[in-house]
Amino acid sequence: MSKQLSLPVCTSCSRPIMPNDECVKFYCPNCGYVLMWRCESCREFARPYKCVGCGFEGP
């Protein structure tokens, strides 16, 4: 019986974040409830992200 691993996804590009990837996770700076993940590429290029809880947008 195998178990399926659930990987977090980047909030900006929806790419799965692998365990050893350079990424950051943080709670929404506006509402503080939604946990957001950002991959190294999206952080480097300042791609926008949007909170699914309150609609806050930011890079």
C-alpha atoms as a PDB file:
ATOM      1  CA  MET A   1       0.000   0.000   0.000  1.00  0.00           C
ATOM      2  CA  SER A   2       1.558   3.309  -1.042  1.00  0.00           C
ATOM      3  CA  LYS A   3       0.798   6.706   0.375  1.00  0.00           C
ATOM      4  CA  GLN A   4       0.476   9.762  -1.801  1.00  0.00           C
ATOM      5  CA  LEU A   5       2.557  12.792  -0.893  1.00  0.00           C
ATOM      6  CA  SER A   6       0.783  16.143  -1.039  1.00  0.00           C
ATOM      7  CA  LEU A   7       3.136  18.920  -2.137  1.00  0.00           C
ATOM      8  CA  PRO A   8       2.449  22.616  -1.618  1.00  0.00           C
ATOM      9  CA  VAL A   9       2.075  24.699  -4.786  1.00  0.00           C
ATOM     10  CA  CYS A  10       3.374  28.171  -5.562  1.00  0.00           C
ATOM     11  CA  THR A  11       0.663  30.787  -5.055  1.00  0.00           C
ATOM     12  CA  SER A  12       1.840  32.670  -8.165  1.00  0.00           C
ATOM     13  CA  CYS A  13       2.515  29.971 -10.775  1.00  0.00           C
ATOM     14  CA  SER A  14       0.834  26.882  -9.246  1.00  0.00           C
ATOM     15  CA  ARG A  15       4.005  24.817  -9.708  1.00  0.00           C
ATOM     16  CA  PRO A  16       4.476  22.063  -7.106  1.00  0.00           C
ATOM     17  CA  ILE A  17       7.200  22.918  -4.603  1.00  0.00           C
ATOM     18  CA  MET A  18       9.609  20.042  -4.029  1.00  0.00           C
ATOM     19  CA  PRO A  19      11.103  19.414  -0.554  1.00  0.00           C
ATOM     20  CA  ASN A  20      14.569  20.824  -1.371  1.00  0.00           C
ATOM     21  CA  ASP A  21      13.410  23.821  -3.456  1.00  0.00           C
ATOM     22  CA  GLU A  22      14.396  27.325  -2.406  1.00  0.00           C
ATOM     23  CA  CYS A  23      11.015  28.754  -1.492  1.00  0.00           C
ATOM     24  CA  VAL A  24       9.282  30.827   1.122  1.00  0.00           C
ATOM     25  CA  LYS A  25       6.009  30.359   2.959  1.00  0.00           C
ATOM     26  CA  PHE A  26       4.153  33.066   4.830  1.00  0.00           C
ATOM     27  CA  TYR A  27       0.681  34.027   5.937  1.00  0.00           C
ATOM     28  CA  CYS A  28      -1.169  36.688   3.975  1.00  0.00           C
ATOM     29  CA  PRO A  29       0.134  40.107   5.051  1.00  0.00           C
ATOM     30  CA  ASN A  30      -3.415  41.490   4.975  1.00  0.00           C
ATOM     31  CA  CYS A  31      -5.664  38.900   6.649  1.00  0.00           C
ATOM     32  CA  GLY A  32      -3.057  36.639   8.263  1.00  0.00           C
ATOM     33  CA  TYR A  33      -5.132  33.488   7.690  1.00  0.00           C
ATOM     34  CA  VAL A  34      -4.078  32.042   4.324  1.00  0.00           C
ATOM     35  CA  LEU A  35      -0.697  30.319   4.082  1.00  0.00           C
ATOM     36  CA  MET A  36       1.052  31.280   0.837  1.00  0.00           C
ATOM     37  CA  TRP A  37       3.974  29.565  -0.844  1.00  0.00           C
ATOM     38  CA  ARG A  38       6.293  31.250  -3.352  1.00  0.00           C
ATOM     39  CA  CYS A  39       8.863  29.434  -5.474  1.00  0.00           C
ATOM     40  CA  GLU A  40      12.327  30.838  -6.075  1.00  0.00           C
ATOM     41  CA  SER A  41      11.526  31.846  -9.664  1.00  0.00           C
ATOM     42  CA  CYS A  42       8.387  33.817  -8.776  1.00  0.00           C
ATOM     43  CA  ARG A  43      10.201  35.578  -5.940  1.00  0.00           C
ATOM     44  CA  GLU A  44      13.154  36.434  -8.173  1.00  0.00           C
ATOM     45  CA  PHE A  45      10.968  37.886 -10.942  1.00  0.00           C
ATOM     46  CA  ALA A  46       8.497  39.506  -8.492  1.00  0.00           C
ATOM     47  CA  ARG A  47       5.509  37.776 -10.040  1.00  0.00           C
ATOM     48  CA  PRO A  48       2.218  38.837  -8.464  1.00  0.00           C
ATOM     49  CA  TYR A  49       0.260  36.661  -6.051  1.00  0.00           C
ATOM     50  CA  LYS A  50      -3.288  36.893  -4.724  1.00  0.00           C
ATOM     51  CA  CYS A  51      -4.753  35.730  -1.419  1.00  0.00           C
ATOM     52  CA  VAL A  52      -7.727  33.425  -1.952  1.00  0.00           C
ATOM     53  CA  GLY A  53      -9.179  34.505   1.388  1.00  0.00           C
ATOM     54  CA  CYS A  54      -9.255  38.299   1.230  1.00  0.00           C
ATOM     55  CA  GLY A  55      -8.158  39.130  -2.328  1.00  0.00           C
ATOM     56  CA  PHE A  56      -4.959  40.929  -1.294  1.00  0.00           C
ATOM     57  CA  GLU A  57      -2.489  41.200  -4.186  1.00  0.00           C
ATOM     58  CA  GLY A  58       1.194  41.779  -3.970  1.00  0.00           C
ATOM     59  CA  PRO A  59       4.675  40.890  -5.099  1.00  0.00           C
END
